[in-house]
Amino acid sequence: MSDLAAARARYVERIAKRERISSKRLLEALATVPREDFLPRGPWRIKGEAARSYRLTRDADPIHLYENVLVAIDARRRLDTGLPSLWAHFIDVLDVGEKDRVVQIGCGLGYFSAVLSKMVGPKGSVCAIECDDRLAARAANHLRGYRNVTVVNGDGCEDIGEPADVIIVHAGFSQPHPLWLESLRPRGRLLVPLTQRDREGAALRITRKGRVFEAEAIQQIRIFPGQGRGTTALDDRVADWWQRASALAPLRFRGLAQGLPSDG
């Protein structure tokens, strides 16, 4: 086994152990999708999840990418790739299945789009939406060999196409946009980070169950703010509800469709 292959195997093993990943398809996808294919050529600016500043890798060997590190896309804007363990955990709790239609809001450079592509298989599909023109163009180039992935340069708060089994939002919003809720198929799942202006908040998993939606706080998060029509302010009653969810209270909530939440 080459040094790079060994590093990739350790990367998957560590993520699986840390996050207690249950999806074999997810682990297989992480093991087969080359992270370096979705980044510019190195050396790279990287940092651990608790680090405040970047460090430059000593060379362009992709072995540096097979650690649980953030990699700068645009260091000036503090825009990084997603932390592998964090997004692997989120994907795992969404129970992504073969043949699912998955929509990503904010696909970045496309690494997790490729991971999801492997998970849903040739009969599933991934719609990877990115509002930043340059990032969308780069993602489309990186993903051109993934035939079940469509990259869309657009606003994921305005149009996400046909209904979806899974919607993953890769940026912070003040509320789940009604479009995302309406676009979930029966038993569909939405993962959305709900954040304030300081980028702090909590990631929620929202599941469509018949005529109601059920939401559960998954974990605290700090993430780049989203853009689009989903950034409008909440009214006081709903804002109070989301604040309780952001505090990771051990409660499940209902009533998202009506915008009038109550404890479930």
Foldseek 3Di string as FASTA:
>chain_A
DDPLLVLQVVLLVVLCVVLVFDDPLLSVLSSPQQPVLLAPFDQWFKDAPPDDGTDTDPHRPSSVVSHQIWTDPDVVLPDTDDRVSVVSNVVRVQVQAALFEEEEQACFSPRVVSSSLSHNDPNHAYEYEHQDPVRLVNNCVSCVVSVRYHYHHDHPLPDRDAAGQEYEYQAEAQDPRLVNVVRHDQQRWYWHFHDDPQQKFFIWIWTHHPPKIKIATDGIDRGHHDDDPRRDDDPPQLSVVRVCRRVRDGFMWMDVNVSHIDTD
